[in-house]
Protein backbone atom coordinates (compact mmCIF):
# COMPACT_ATOMS: atom_id res chain seq x y z
CA MET A 1 -223.89 -81.18 -10.64
CA GLN A 2 -220.54 -79.31 -10.91
CA PRO A 3 -220.13 -77.66 -14.34
CA ASN A 4 -216.62 -79.13 -14.78
CA LEU A 5 -217.96 -82.76 -14.17
CA GLU A 6 -220.78 -82.09 -16.61
CA THR A 7 -218.27 -80.81 -19.22
CA ALA A 8 -216.26 -84.04 -18.95
CA ARG A 9 -219.36 -86.04 -19.31
CA ARG A 10 -220.31 -84.22 -22.52
CA ALA A 11 -216.92 -85.02 -24.11
CA ARG A 12 -217.33 -88.59 -23.11
CA ARG A 13 -220.92 -88.65 -24.84
CA GLU A 14 -219.32 -87.15 -27.99
CA ILE A 15 -216.25 -89.92 -27.80
CA GLU A 16 -219.08 -92.45 -27.43
CA ARG A 17 -220.93 -91.17 -30.45
CA VAL A 18 -217.80 -91.53 -32.52
CA ARG A 19 -217.11 -94.99 -31.23
CA LEU A 20 -220.67 -96.10 -32.19
CA LEU A 21 -220.04 -94.63 -35.67
CA LEU A 22 -216.80 -96.36 -36.13
CA ILE A 23 -218.23 -99.81 -35.42
CA GLN A 24 -219.07 -99.84 -39.11
CA PRO A 25 -216.21 -97.79 -40.70
CA ALA A 26 -216.99 -96.16 -44.12
CA PRO A 27 -215.80 -92.79 -45.48
CA GLN A 28 -218.82 -90.77 -44.90
CA VAL A 29 -218.84 -92.40 -41.21
CA LEU A 30 -215.28 -90.96 -40.86
CA GLU A 31 -216.40 -87.53 -41.98
CA ALA A 32 -219.35 -87.69 -39.52
CA CYS A 33 -217.02 -88.39 -36.70
CA ALA A 34 -215.07 -85.09 -37.34
CA GLU A 35 -217.92 -82.91 -35.75
CA HIS A 36 -218.11 -85.15 -32.71
CA LEU A 37 -214.48 -84.98 -32.25
CA ARG A 38 -214.39 -81.22 -32.62
CA ALA A 39 -216.95 -80.80 -29.91
CA ALA A 40 -215.22 -83.31 -27.61
CA ALA A 41 -211.90 -81.36 -28.09
CA ARG A 42 -213.68 -78.00 -26.98
CA CYS A 43 -214.98 -79.62 -23.97
CA MET A 44 -211.45 -80.86 -23.01
CA ALA A 45 -209.96 -77.61 -23.95
CA ASP A 46 -212.50 -76.13 -21.42
CA LEU A 47 -211.85 -78.71 -18.76
CA GLU A 48 -208.23 -77.81 -18.87
CA THR A 49 -209.03 -74.23 -18.20
CA ALA A 50 -211.35 -74.91 -15.42
CA LEU A 51 -208.96 -77.61 -13.91
CA ARG A 52 -206.23 -74.95 -13.38
CA ARG A 53 -208.65 -73.01 -11.32
CA GLU A 54 -210.39 -76.05 -9.33
CA SER A 55 -209.29 -76.04 -5.65
CA GLY A 56 -211.88 -78.59 -4.16
CA LEU A 57 -210.47 -82.02 -3.45
CA ALA A 58 -213.79 -83.74 -3.50
CA ALA A 59 -214.64 -82.03 -6.83
CA ARG A 60 -211.28 -82.89 -8.32
CA GLU A 61 -211.63 -86.61 -7.42
CA ALA A 62 -214.95 -86.89 -8.90
CA LEU A 63 -213.56 -85.11 -12.04
CA ASN A 64 -210.51 -87.32 -12.00
CA ARG A 65 -212.67 -90.52 -12.20
CA GLU A 66 -214.53 -88.99 -15.17
CA LEU A 67 -211.41 -88.20 -16.87
CA ASN A 68 -209.97 -91.64 -16.45
CA GLU A 69 -213.10 -93.08 -18.06
CA LEU A 70 -212.49 -90.44 -21.05
CA ARG A 71 -208.99 -91.71 -21.55
CA ARG A 72 -210.41 -95.08 -21.70
CA ASP A 73 -213.00 -94.02 -24.26
CA LEU A 74 -210.22 -92.23 -26.29
CA ARG A 75 -208.17 -95.63 -26.37
CA ARG A 76 -211.04 -97.54 -27.77
CA VAL A 77 -211.75 -94.76 -30.29
CA ARG A 78 -208.05 -94.65 -31.32
CA ALA A 79 -208.06 -98.52 -31.79
CA LEU A 80 -211.04 -98.25 -34.09
CA VAL A 81 -209.69 -95.42 -36.09
CA GLU A 82 -206.46 -97.27 -36.64
CA LYS A 83 -208.18 -100.28 -37.59
CA ALA A 84 -210.33 -98.43 -40.00
CA ALA A 85 -207.22 -96.87 -41.52
CA GLN A 86 -205.81 -100.34 -41.81
CA LEU A 87 -208.83 -101.52 -43.56
CA TYR A 88 -209.07 -98.80 -46.06
CA SER A 89 -205.38 -98.76 -46.62
CA GLY A 90 -205.47 -102.69 -47.43
CA TRP A 91 -208.69 -102.03 -49.69
CA ALA A 92 -206.86 -99.31 -51.44
CA ALA A 93 -203.80 -101.69 -52.09
CA LEU A 94 -206.11 -104.30 -53.33
CA MET A 95 -207.88 -102.05 -55.65
CA GLY A 96 -204.65 -100.78 -57.19
CA ARG A 97 -203.38 -104.35 -57.97
CA GLY A 98 -205.03 -105.23 -61.18
CA PRO A 99 -203.68 -107.68 -64.02
CA GLU A 100 -201.29 -104.91 -65.06
CA GLY A 101 -200.18 -103.80 -61.64
CA PRO A 102 -200.68 -100.83 -59.47
CA ASP A 103 -201.61 -98.51 -62.29
CA SER A 104 -204.62 -100.63 -63.69
CA TYR A 105 -206.92 -98.17 -61.55
CA ARG A 106 -207.08 -94.50 -62.29
CA TRP A 107 -207.62 -91.85 -59.90
CA ASP A 108 -211.36 -91.32 -60.99
CA GLY A 109 -211.88 -95.17 -60.69
CA SER A 110 -211.85 -96.27 -64.17
CA ILE A 111 -209.67 -98.92 -65.23
CA THR A 112 -206.73 -98.70 -67.79
CA ALA A 113 -206.59 -101.09 -70.85
CA PRO A 114 -204.42 -103.78 -70.41
CA ALA A 115 -201.38 -103.60 -72.16
CA VAL A 116 -201.10 -105.80 -75.31
CA VAL A 117 -198.42 -108.36 -75.11
CA ARG A 118 -197.33 -109.72 -78.43
CA ARG A 119 -195.44 -112.96 -78.57
CA LEU A 120 -194.21 -115.07 -81.21
CA VAL A 121 -193.42 -118.77 -80.01
CA VAL A 122 -191.89 -121.18 -82.47
CA HIS A 123 -191.47 -124.77 -81.75
CA GLY A 124 -189.69 -127.00 -83.61
């Protein structure tokens, strides 16, 4: 097998690992994705260099097919990352909205004491 083709497939395997991790997004999952994304990025950098030297038409066609699949995989992962970001952004917005508004939760997760509202109502 051609080294360039194997490098492209290795990049796809790393992106697939990220996709599988992102099916159930959590902060620790997002951190785990970084390692796989770095590995895929290294593969793609190696491919970029190798493609500049590649002259065989058949090798280029096989590699182009693999790269098209990699692009498709990257689009899927991007969509999952965007959805995870929306989920956590919405969650953060909900957590920041307590009875006293956005400041009811502190940075450390503790809740601020609700402000005491004193009113005097006179009917008569």
